[in-house]
N, C-alpha and C. Protein backbone atom coordinates (compact mmCIF):
# COMPACT_ATOMS: atom_id res chain seq x y z
N MET A 1 101.32 80.71 91.20
CA MET A 1 102.02 81.98 91.10
C MET A 1 102.38 82.53 92.48
N GLN A 2 101.40 82.43 93.41
CA GLN A 2 101.64 82.94 94.76
C GLN A 2 102.77 82.18 95.44
N ARG A 3 102.81 80.88 95.27
CA ARG A 3 103.88 80.06 95.86
C ARG A 3 105.23 80.47 95.29
N TRP A 4 105.28 80.71 93.99
CA TRP A 4 106.53 81.15 93.35
C TRP A 4 106.98 82.50 93.91
N LEU A 5 106.03 83.44 94.04
CA LEU A 5 106.36 84.75 94.61
C LEU A 5 106.85 84.64 96.04
N ASP A 6 106.21 83.79 96.82
CA ASP A 6 106.64 83.59 98.21
C ASP A 6 108.06 83.05 98.27
N GLY A 7 108.36 82.10 97.40
CA GLY A 7 109.72 81.54 97.35
C GLY A 7 110.74 82.59 96.94
N CYS A 8 110.40 83.36 95.93
CA CYS A 8 111.31 84.44 95.49
C CYS A 8 111.52 85.46 96.60
N GLU A 9 110.43 85.79 97.29
CA GLU A 9 110.54 86.74 98.41
C GLU A 9 111.49 86.22 99.48
N ARG A 10 111.38 84.95 99.82
CA ARG A 10 112.26 84.36 100.83
C ARG A 10 113.72 84.40 100.39
N VAL A 11 113.97 84.06 99.14
CA VAL A 11 115.34 84.07 98.63
C VAL A 11 115.91 85.50 98.64
N LEU A 12 115.14 86.46 98.14
CA LEU A 12 115.62 87.84 98.11
C LEU A 12 115.84 88.39 99.51
N THR A 13 114.97 88.03 100.44
CA THR A 13 115.13 88.48 101.82
C THR A 13 116.39 87.89 102.43
N LEU A 14 116.67 86.63 102.15
CA LEU A 14 117.89 85.99 102.64
C LEU A 14 119.13 86.68 102.06
N VAL A 15 119.10 86.96 100.77
CA VAL A 15 120.23 87.64 100.14
C VAL A 15 120.41 89.05 100.72
N ALA A 16 119.30 89.74 100.99
CA ALA A 16 119.38 91.07 101.62
C ALA A 16 119.99 90.97 103.01
N ALA A 17 119.62 89.95 103.77
CA ALA A 17 120.19 89.76 105.10
C ALA A 17 121.68 89.45 105.01
N LEU A 18 122.06 88.62 104.05
CA LEU A 18 123.49 88.31 103.85
C LEU A 18 124.26 89.56 103.42
N ALA A 19 123.66 90.38 102.60
CA ALA A 19 124.31 91.64 102.19
C ALA A 19 124.48 92.57 103.39
N THR A 20 123.51 92.57 104.29
CA THR A 20 123.63 93.38 105.51
C THR A 20 124.81 92.89 106.34
N PHE A 21 124.92 91.58 106.49
CA PHE A 21 126.03 91.01 107.25
C PHE A 21 127.36 91.31 106.57
N ALA A 22 127.42 91.16 105.25
CA ALA A 22 128.66 91.46 104.51
C ALA A 22 129.03 92.93 104.64
N MET A 23 128.02 93.81 104.61
CA MET A 23 128.27 95.24 104.75
C MET A 23 128.85 95.53 106.13
N MET A 24 128.32 94.89 107.15
CA MET A 24 128.83 95.06 108.50
C MET A 24 130.28 94.58 108.59
N LEU A 25 130.58 93.41 108.04
CA LEU A 25 131.94 92.88 108.08
C LEU A 25 132.91 93.77 107.31
N LEU A 26 132.52 94.20 106.12
CA LEU A 26 133.38 95.03 105.30
C LEU A 26 133.65 96.37 105.97
N THR A 27 132.63 96.99 106.51
CA THR A 27 132.80 98.29 107.17
C THR A 27 133.70 98.16 108.40
N THR A 28 133.50 97.10 109.17
CA THR A 28 134.33 96.87 110.36
C THR A 28 135.78 96.61 109.97
N ALA A 29 135.97 95.74 108.98
CA ALA A 29 137.33 95.43 108.52
C ALA A 29 138.01 96.68 107.95
N ASP A 30 137.27 97.49 107.23
CA ASP A 30 137.84 98.72 106.68
C ASP A 30 138.22 99.69 107.80
N ALA A 31 137.37 99.83 108.81
CA ALA A 31 137.68 100.73 109.92
C ALA A 31 138.89 100.23 110.70
N VAL A 32 138.97 98.93 110.96
CA VAL A 32 140.12 98.37 111.68
C VAL A 32 141.39 98.57 110.85
N GLY A 33 141.31 98.26 109.57
CA GLY A 33 142.48 98.44 108.70
C GLY A 33 142.90 99.90 108.59
N ARG A 34 141.95 100.77 108.52
CA ARG A 34 142.22 102.20 108.37
C ARG A 34 142.85 102.79 109.64
N TYR A 35 142.26 102.50 110.78
CA TYR A 35 142.68 103.18 112.01
C TYR A 35 143.77 102.45 112.79
N LEU A 36 143.85 101.13 112.69
CA LEU A 36 144.90 100.41 113.42
C LEU A 36 146.14 100.17 112.59
N PHE A 37 145.96 99.93 111.30
CA PHE A 37 147.10 99.57 110.46
C PHE A 37 147.39 100.57 109.35
N ASN A 38 146.61 101.64 109.30
CA ASN A 38 146.74 102.64 108.25
C ASN A 38 146.65 102.01 106.85
N ARG A 39 145.82 101.00 106.72
CA ARG A 39 145.62 100.29 105.45
C ARG A 39 144.11 100.05 105.23
N PRO A 40 143.41 101.02 104.67
CA PRO A 40 141.99 100.81 104.40
C PRO A 40 141.80 99.81 103.27
N ILE A 41 140.62 99.24 103.20
CA ILE A 41 140.30 98.31 102.13
C ILE A 41 139.95 99.11 100.88
N LEU A 42 140.67 98.83 99.82
CA LEU A 42 140.44 99.52 98.55
C LEU A 42 139.00 99.28 98.09
N ALA A 43 138.30 100.31 97.77
CA ALA A 43 136.94 100.29 97.22
C ALA A 43 135.88 99.83 98.21
N ALA A 44 136.20 99.82 99.51
CA ALA A 44 135.20 99.41 100.50
C ALA A 44 133.97 100.31 100.42
N TYR A 45 134.19 101.60 100.29
CA TYR A 45 133.07 102.53 100.22
C TYR A 45 132.23 102.28 98.97
N GLU A 46 132.88 102.08 97.83
CA GLU A 46 132.15 101.84 96.58
C GLU A 46 131.39 100.51 96.63
N LEU A 47 132.03 99.47 97.16
CA LEU A 47 131.34 98.18 97.28
C LEU A 47 130.11 98.30 98.19
N THR A 48 130.28 99.04 99.27
CA THR A 48 129.18 99.20 100.21
C THR A 48 128.03 99.98 99.59
N THR A 49 128.34 101.13 99.00
CA THR A 49 127.27 101.99 98.48
C THR A 49 126.68 101.50 97.17
N ASN A 50 127.49 100.91 96.31
CA ASN A 50 127.00 100.53 94.99
C ASN A 50 126.47 99.10 94.89
N TYR A 51 126.89 98.23 95.79
CA TYR A 51 126.41 96.85 95.73
C TYR A 51 125.61 96.48 96.98
N LEU A 52 126.24 96.57 98.13
CA LEU A 52 125.63 96.03 99.35
C LEU A 52 124.41 96.81 99.81
N MET A 53 124.49 98.13 99.86
CA MET A 53 123.32 98.91 100.28
C MET A 53 122.17 98.75 99.30
N VAL A 54 122.49 98.69 98.03
CA VAL A 54 121.46 98.51 97.01
C VAL A 54 120.76 97.17 97.21
N ALA A 55 121.55 96.12 97.47
CA ALA A 55 120.97 94.79 97.69
C ALA A 55 120.11 94.78 98.95
N VAL A 56 120.61 95.40 100.02
CA VAL A 56 119.85 95.42 101.27
C VAL A 56 118.49 96.09 101.07
N ILE A 57 118.49 97.22 100.42
CA ILE A 57 117.24 97.98 100.27
C ILE A 57 116.29 97.34 99.27
N PHE A 58 116.77 97.09 98.07
CA PHE A 58 115.85 96.69 97.01
C PHE A 58 115.48 95.21 97.02
N LEU A 59 116.35 94.36 97.56
CA LEU A 59 115.97 92.95 97.66
C LEU A 59 115.04 92.71 98.84
N ALA A 60 115.04 93.62 99.80
CA ALA A 60 114.12 93.50 100.94
C ALA A 60 112.78 94.17 100.67
N MET A 61 112.63 94.86 99.56
CA MET A 61 111.36 95.54 99.26
C MET A 61 110.15 94.61 99.21
N PRO A 62 110.26 93.44 98.57
CA PRO A 62 109.08 92.56 98.58
C PRO A 62 108.67 92.15 100.00
N TYR A 63 109.64 91.88 100.85
CA TYR A 63 109.33 91.52 102.24
C TYR A 63 108.67 92.70 102.95
N ALA A 64 109.23 93.89 102.77
CA ALA A 64 108.65 95.08 103.40
C ALA A 64 107.22 95.31 102.91
N TYR A 65 107.01 95.11 101.62
CA TYR A 65 105.65 95.27 101.08
C TYR A 65 104.70 94.27 101.74
N ARG A 66 105.11 93.02 101.79
CA ARG A 66 104.25 91.97 102.35
C ARG A 66 103.93 92.24 103.82
N GLN A 67 104.87 92.87 104.53
CA GLN A 67 104.66 93.15 105.95
C GLN A 67 103.84 94.42 106.18
N GLY A 68 103.47 95.11 105.12
CA GLY A 68 102.68 96.32 105.27
C GLY A 68 103.51 97.50 105.75
N ALA A 69 104.80 97.47 105.46
CA ALA A 69 105.70 98.53 105.92
C ALA A 69 105.70 99.70 104.94
N ASN A 70 104.52 100.21 104.69
CA ASN A 70 104.37 101.32 103.76
C ASN A 70 103.98 102.57 104.53
N ILE A 71 104.40 103.68 104.05
CA ILE A 71 103.99 104.94 104.67
C ILE A 71 102.64 105.32 104.07
N ARG A 72 101.66 105.53 104.94
CA ARG A 72 100.33 105.89 104.48
C ARG A 72 99.84 107.11 105.26
N VAL A 73 99.20 107.99 104.55
CA VAL A 73 98.54 109.13 105.19
C VAL A 73 97.05 108.89 104.99
N THR A 74 96.37 108.54 106.07
CA THR A 74 95.01 108.03 105.93
C THR A 74 93.93 108.92 106.54
N PHE A 75 94.31 110.11 106.99
CA PHE A 75 93.30 110.91 107.68
C PHE A 75 92.12 111.29 106.79
N LEU A 76 92.30 111.37 105.48
CA LEU A 76 91.16 111.65 104.59
C LEU A 76 90.39 110.38 104.24
N VAL A 77 91.13 109.33 103.89
CA VAL A 77 90.49 108.09 103.47
C VAL A 77 89.71 107.46 104.62
N ASP A 78 90.20 107.62 105.83
CA ASP A 78 89.50 107.05 107.00
C ASP A 78 88.11 107.64 107.18
N ARG A 79 87.86 108.81 106.65
CA ARG A 79 86.56 109.47 106.81
C ARG A 79 85.57 109.10 105.70
N LEU A 80 86.03 108.35 104.72
CA LEU A 80 85.16 107.95 103.61
C LEU A 80 84.33 106.73 103.99
N GLY A 81 83.22 106.58 103.31
CA GLY A 81 82.39 105.39 103.47
C GLY A 81 83.04 104.21 102.77
N ARG A 82 82.44 103.06 102.87
CA ARG A 82 83.03 101.83 102.32
C ARG A 82 83.24 101.90 100.80
N THR A 83 82.22 102.31 100.06
CA THR A 83 82.34 102.33 98.60
C THR A 83 83.37 103.35 98.12
N PRO A 84 83.34 104.61 98.57
CA PRO A 84 84.37 105.54 98.11
C PRO A 84 85.78 105.09 98.52
N ARG A 85 85.88 104.49 99.70
CA ARG A 85 87.20 104.03 100.15
C ARG A 85 87.71 102.90 99.25
N LEU A 86 86.81 101.99 98.86
CA LEU A 86 87.22 100.91 97.96
C LEU A 86 87.68 101.46 96.61
N VAL A 87 86.99 102.48 96.12
CA VAL A 87 87.39 103.11 94.86
C VAL A 87 88.79 103.71 95.00
N VAL A 88 89.00 104.45 96.08
CA VAL A 88 90.30 105.09 96.31
C VAL A 88 91.38 104.02 96.49
N ASP A 89 91.09 102.98 97.28
CA ASP A 89 92.08 101.91 97.50
C ASP A 89 92.43 101.20 96.20
N HIS A 90 91.44 100.93 95.36
CA HIS A 90 91.72 100.31 94.06
C HIS A 90 92.59 101.23 93.19
N ALA A 91 92.24 102.51 93.18
CA ALA A 91 93.02 103.46 92.38
C ALA A 91 94.46 103.53 92.88
N VAL A 92 94.65 103.56 94.18
CA VAL A 92 96.01 103.61 94.75
C VAL A 92 96.77 102.34 94.40
N GLN A 93 96.13 101.19 94.50
CA GLN A 93 96.79 99.92 94.18
C GLN A 93 97.20 99.90 92.70
N ILE A 94 96.33 100.36 91.83
CA ILE A 94 96.63 100.37 90.39
C ILE A 94 97.74 101.36 90.08
N VAL A 95 97.65 102.57 90.61
CA VAL A 95 98.69 103.58 90.36
C VAL A 95 100.03 103.12 90.91
N SER A 96 100.02 102.52 92.10
CA SER A 96 101.26 102.01 92.68
C SER A 96 101.88 100.92 91.82
N SER A 97 101.04 100.05 91.29
CA SER A 97 101.52 98.98 90.40
C SER A 97 102.09 99.55 89.12
N LEU A 98 101.41 100.51 88.54
CA LEU A 98 101.90 101.13 87.30
C LEU A 98 103.21 101.87 87.55
N TYR A 99 103.29 102.58 88.68
CA TYR A 99 104.52 103.28 89.03
C TYR A 99 105.66 102.28 89.23
N GLY A 100 105.36 101.17 89.90
CA GLY A 100 106.37 100.12 90.07
C GLY A 100 106.84 99.57 88.74
N ALA A 101 105.90 99.34 87.82
CA ALA A 101 106.26 98.84 86.49
C ALA A 101 107.13 99.84 85.74
N ALA A 102 106.81 101.11 85.87
CA ALA A 102 107.63 102.14 85.22
C ALA A 102 109.05 102.15 85.80
N LEU A 103 109.15 101.98 87.11
CA LEU A 103 110.48 101.93 87.74
C LEU A 103 111.26 100.69 87.32
N VAL A 104 110.57 99.57 87.18
CA VAL A 104 111.23 98.35 86.70
C VAL A 104 111.80 98.59 85.30
N TYR A 105 110.98 99.17 84.45
CA TYR A 105 111.44 99.46 83.08
C TYR A 105 112.64 100.40 83.09
N ALA A 106 112.55 101.50 83.85
CA ALA A 106 113.62 102.49 83.88
C ALA A 106 114.91 101.92 84.44
N THR A 107 114.81 101.16 85.53
CA THR A 107 116.04 100.60 86.10
C THR A 107 116.61 99.49 85.23
N GLY A 108 115.74 98.76 84.55
CA GLY A 108 116.22 97.77 83.59
C GLY A 108 116.97 98.43 82.44
N GLN A 109 116.43 99.54 81.95
CA GLN A 109 117.12 100.29 80.89
C GLN A 109 118.48 100.81 81.39
N GLN A 110 118.50 101.29 82.63
CA GLN A 110 119.76 101.79 83.20
C GLN A 110 120.77 100.66 83.33
N ALA A 111 120.33 99.49 83.76
CA ALA A 111 121.23 98.34 83.86
C ALA A 111 121.78 97.98 82.49
N ARG A 112 120.89 97.98 81.48
CA ARG A 112 121.33 97.68 80.12
C ARG A 112 122.35 98.71 79.63
N HIS A 113 122.10 99.98 79.93
CA HIS A 113 123.03 101.05 79.54
C HIS A 113 124.40 100.85 80.21
N MET A 114 124.37 100.52 81.50
CA MET A 114 125.63 100.30 82.22
C MET A 114 126.38 99.11 81.64
N LEU A 115 125.65 98.09 81.24
CA LEU A 115 126.27 96.91 80.65
C LEU A 115 126.88 97.22 79.29
N THR A 116 126.12 97.91 78.43
CA THR A 116 126.61 98.18 77.08
C THR A 116 127.74 99.21 77.06
N THR A 117 127.78 100.10 78.04
CA THR A 117 128.87 101.09 78.09
C THR A 117 130.04 100.60 78.94
N ASN A 118 129.88 99.40 79.53
CA ASN A 118 130.93 98.80 80.36
C ASN A 118 131.37 99.74 81.49
N THR A 119 130.41 100.36 82.15
CA THR A 119 130.69 101.27 83.25
C THR A 119 131.18 100.48 84.46
N THR A 120 132.27 100.95 85.05
CA THR A 120 132.87 100.27 86.19
C THR A 120 133.10 101.26 87.33
N PHE A 121 133.52 100.73 88.49
CA PHE A 121 133.91 101.57 89.62
C PHE A 121 135.07 102.44 89.21
N ALA A 122 135.27 103.52 89.94
CA ALA A 122 136.42 104.39 89.68
C ALA A 122 137.72 103.75 90.15
N THR A 123 137.65 102.98 91.26
CA THR A 123 138.88 102.42 91.84
C THR A 123 139.15 100.98 91.45
N LEU A 124 138.14 100.25 91.05
CA LEU A 124 138.30 98.85 90.65
C LEU A 124 137.60 98.61 89.32
N ASP A 125 138.04 97.58 88.65
CA ASP A 125 137.44 97.25 87.36
C ASP A 125 136.25 96.30 87.57
N LEU A 126 135.32 96.72 88.43
CA LEU A 126 134.10 95.95 88.66
C LEU A 126 132.94 96.65 87.97
N PRO A 127 132.10 95.90 87.28
CA PRO A 127 130.97 96.52 86.57
C PRO A 127 129.90 97.02 87.54
N LEU A 128 129.22 98.08 87.14
CA LEU A 128 128.14 98.64 87.95
C LEU A 128 126.76 98.10 87.56
N TRP A 129 126.64 97.46 86.40
CA TRP A 129 125.32 97.02 85.94
C TRP A 129 124.64 96.03 86.88
N PRO A 130 125.38 95.14 87.59
CA PRO A 130 124.66 94.21 88.47
C PRO A 130 123.86 94.92 89.57
N ALA A 131 124.38 96.02 90.08
CA ALA A 131 123.65 96.76 91.12
C ALA A 131 122.33 97.30 90.56
N HIS A 132 122.35 97.78 89.34
CA HIS A 132 121.12 98.28 88.72
C HIS A 132 120.15 97.13 88.42
N LEU A 133 120.69 95.99 88.09
CA LEU A 133 119.84 94.82 87.86
C LEU A 133 119.18 94.37 89.16
N VAL A 134 119.91 94.46 90.27
CA VAL A 134 119.35 94.12 91.58
C VAL A 134 118.16 95.02 91.90
N VAL A 135 118.27 96.30 91.58
CA VAL A 135 117.17 97.23 91.80
C VAL A 135 115.96 96.77 90.98
N SER A 136 116.18 96.43 89.73
CA SER A 136 115.08 95.97 88.87
C SER A 136 114.43 94.71 89.41
N VAL A 137 115.22 93.78 89.89
CA VAL A 137 114.68 92.52 90.41
C VAL A 137 113.80 92.77 91.63
N GLY A 138 114.28 93.56 92.57
CA GLY A 138 113.50 93.86 93.77
C GLY A 138 112.21 94.59 93.43
N LEU A 139 112.31 95.56 92.53
CA LEU A 139 111.12 96.31 92.12
C LEU A 139 110.14 95.43 91.34
N PHE A 140 110.68 94.55 90.50
CA PHE A 140 109.84 93.66 89.70
C PHE A 140 109.01 92.75 90.59
N LEU A 141 109.65 92.13 91.58
CA LEU A 141 108.91 91.24 92.46
C LEU A 141 107.88 92.01 93.27
N THR A 142 108.24 93.19 93.75
CA THR A 142 107.29 94.01 94.51
C THR A 142 106.10 94.40 93.64
N THR A 143 106.36 94.76 92.40
CA THR A 143 105.29 95.13 91.47
C THR A 143 104.37 93.95 91.19
N LEU A 144 104.95 92.77 90.99
CA LEU A 144 104.11 91.58 90.79
C LEU A 144 103.23 91.32 92.01
N MET A 145 103.80 91.50 93.19
CA MET A 145 103.02 91.30 94.41
C MET A 145 101.88 92.32 94.48
N MET A 146 102.14 93.56 94.09
CA MET A 146 101.09 94.58 94.10
C MET A 146 99.99 94.23 93.10
N LEU A 147 100.38 93.75 91.93
CA LEU A 147 99.40 93.37 90.92
C LEU A 147 98.53 92.22 91.40
N LEU A 148 99.14 91.22 92.00
CA LEU A 148 98.36 90.09 92.52
C LEU A 148 97.47 90.52 93.68
N ASP A 149 97.93 91.48 94.45
CA ASP A 149 97.14 91.98 95.58
C ASP A 149 95.94 92.82 95.14
N LEU A 150 95.87 93.16 93.88
CA LEU A 150 94.74 93.96 93.39
C LEU A 150 93.42 93.25 93.69
N ARG A 151 93.42 91.93 93.58
CA ARG A 151 92.20 91.17 93.87
C ARG A 151 91.88 91.13 95.36
N GLU A 152 92.88 91.49 96.20
CA GLU A 152 92.69 91.45 97.66
C GLU A 152 92.20 92.79 98.22
N VAL A 153 92.20 93.84 97.41
CA VAL A 153 91.80 95.17 97.89
C VAL A 153 90.37 95.14 98.41
N ARG A 154 89.48 94.54 97.66
CA ARG A 154 88.06 94.49 98.05
C ARG A 154 87.87 93.81 99.40
N LYS A 155 88.71 92.81 99.68
CA LYS A 155 88.61 92.06 100.94
C LYS A 155 89.35 92.77 102.09
N GLY A 156 90.05 93.86 101.76
CA GLY A 156 90.82 94.57 102.78
C GLY A 156 92.10 93.86 103.16
N ARG A 157 92.61 93.00 102.27
CA ARG A 157 93.80 92.21 102.60
C ARG A 157 95.01 92.55 101.73
N SER A 158 94.97 93.61 100.98
CA SER A 158 96.14 94.01 100.20
C SER A 158 97.23 94.46 101.16
N SER A 159 98.43 94.02 100.93
CA SER A 159 99.56 94.41 101.79
C SER A 159 99.82 95.90 101.73
N LEU A 160 99.36 96.56 100.69
CA LEU A 160 99.55 98.00 100.58
C LEU A 160 98.76 98.74 101.65
N PHE A 161 97.71 98.12 102.16
CA PHE A 161 96.84 98.80 103.13
C PHE A 161 96.77 98.12 104.49
N THR A 162 97.60 97.12 104.70
CA THR A 162 97.57 96.41 105.99
C THR A 162 98.78 96.78 106.83
N ASP A 163 98.70 96.51 108.09
CA ASP A 163 99.81 96.71 109.02
C ASP A 163 100.25 95.35 109.54
N GLY A 164 101.29 94.81 108.90
CA GLY A 164 101.84 93.57 109.44
C GLY A 164 101.45 92.31 108.71
N GLY A 165 101.35 92.37 107.41
CA GLY A 165 101.14 91.15 106.66
C GLY A 165 99.75 91.06 106.10
N GLY A 166 99.47 89.93 105.59
CA GLY A 166 98.21 89.71 104.90
C GLY A 166 98.55 89.43 103.46
N GLY A 167 97.96 90.12 102.57
CA GLY A 167 98.25 89.93 101.15
C GLY A 167 97.93 88.51 100.73
N GLY A 168 97.45 88.37 99.52
CA GLY A 168 96.98 87.11 99.04
C GLY A 168 97.99 86.11 98.88
């Protein structure tokens, strides 16, 4: 399972990097077309905000999780002893996983709604459901990683609580 998650993480990170590059190219081409030739790229803004930015953020979430790129406020937990801290860390890992699962469900439902209502861009006849599906995929993989890391909390190796990697 861990090997499969690692492979998925690598693929999603690569796609997020490619989306970043595509976003840079599209934005540059749109600016050049707009200011030099008075011909902006139709739907560049919608493609950037509805597809590319979504892919960059949500497909990179598993990588960010694995790297320990989480915001933590630890001034209270740092003052706890080992046992109370383990209890709090386990509770945080479980709540985070449950919250992730709820977000996966909600974004999956939103993607399904966009698909069944055939919602498209205002300027182009491109469907919006794939962007919502991308959100679900990124959140799903991150949630699976959090669930698998539950066994690593006791060892202090959960990516939710580390700075710069670890995780089982």
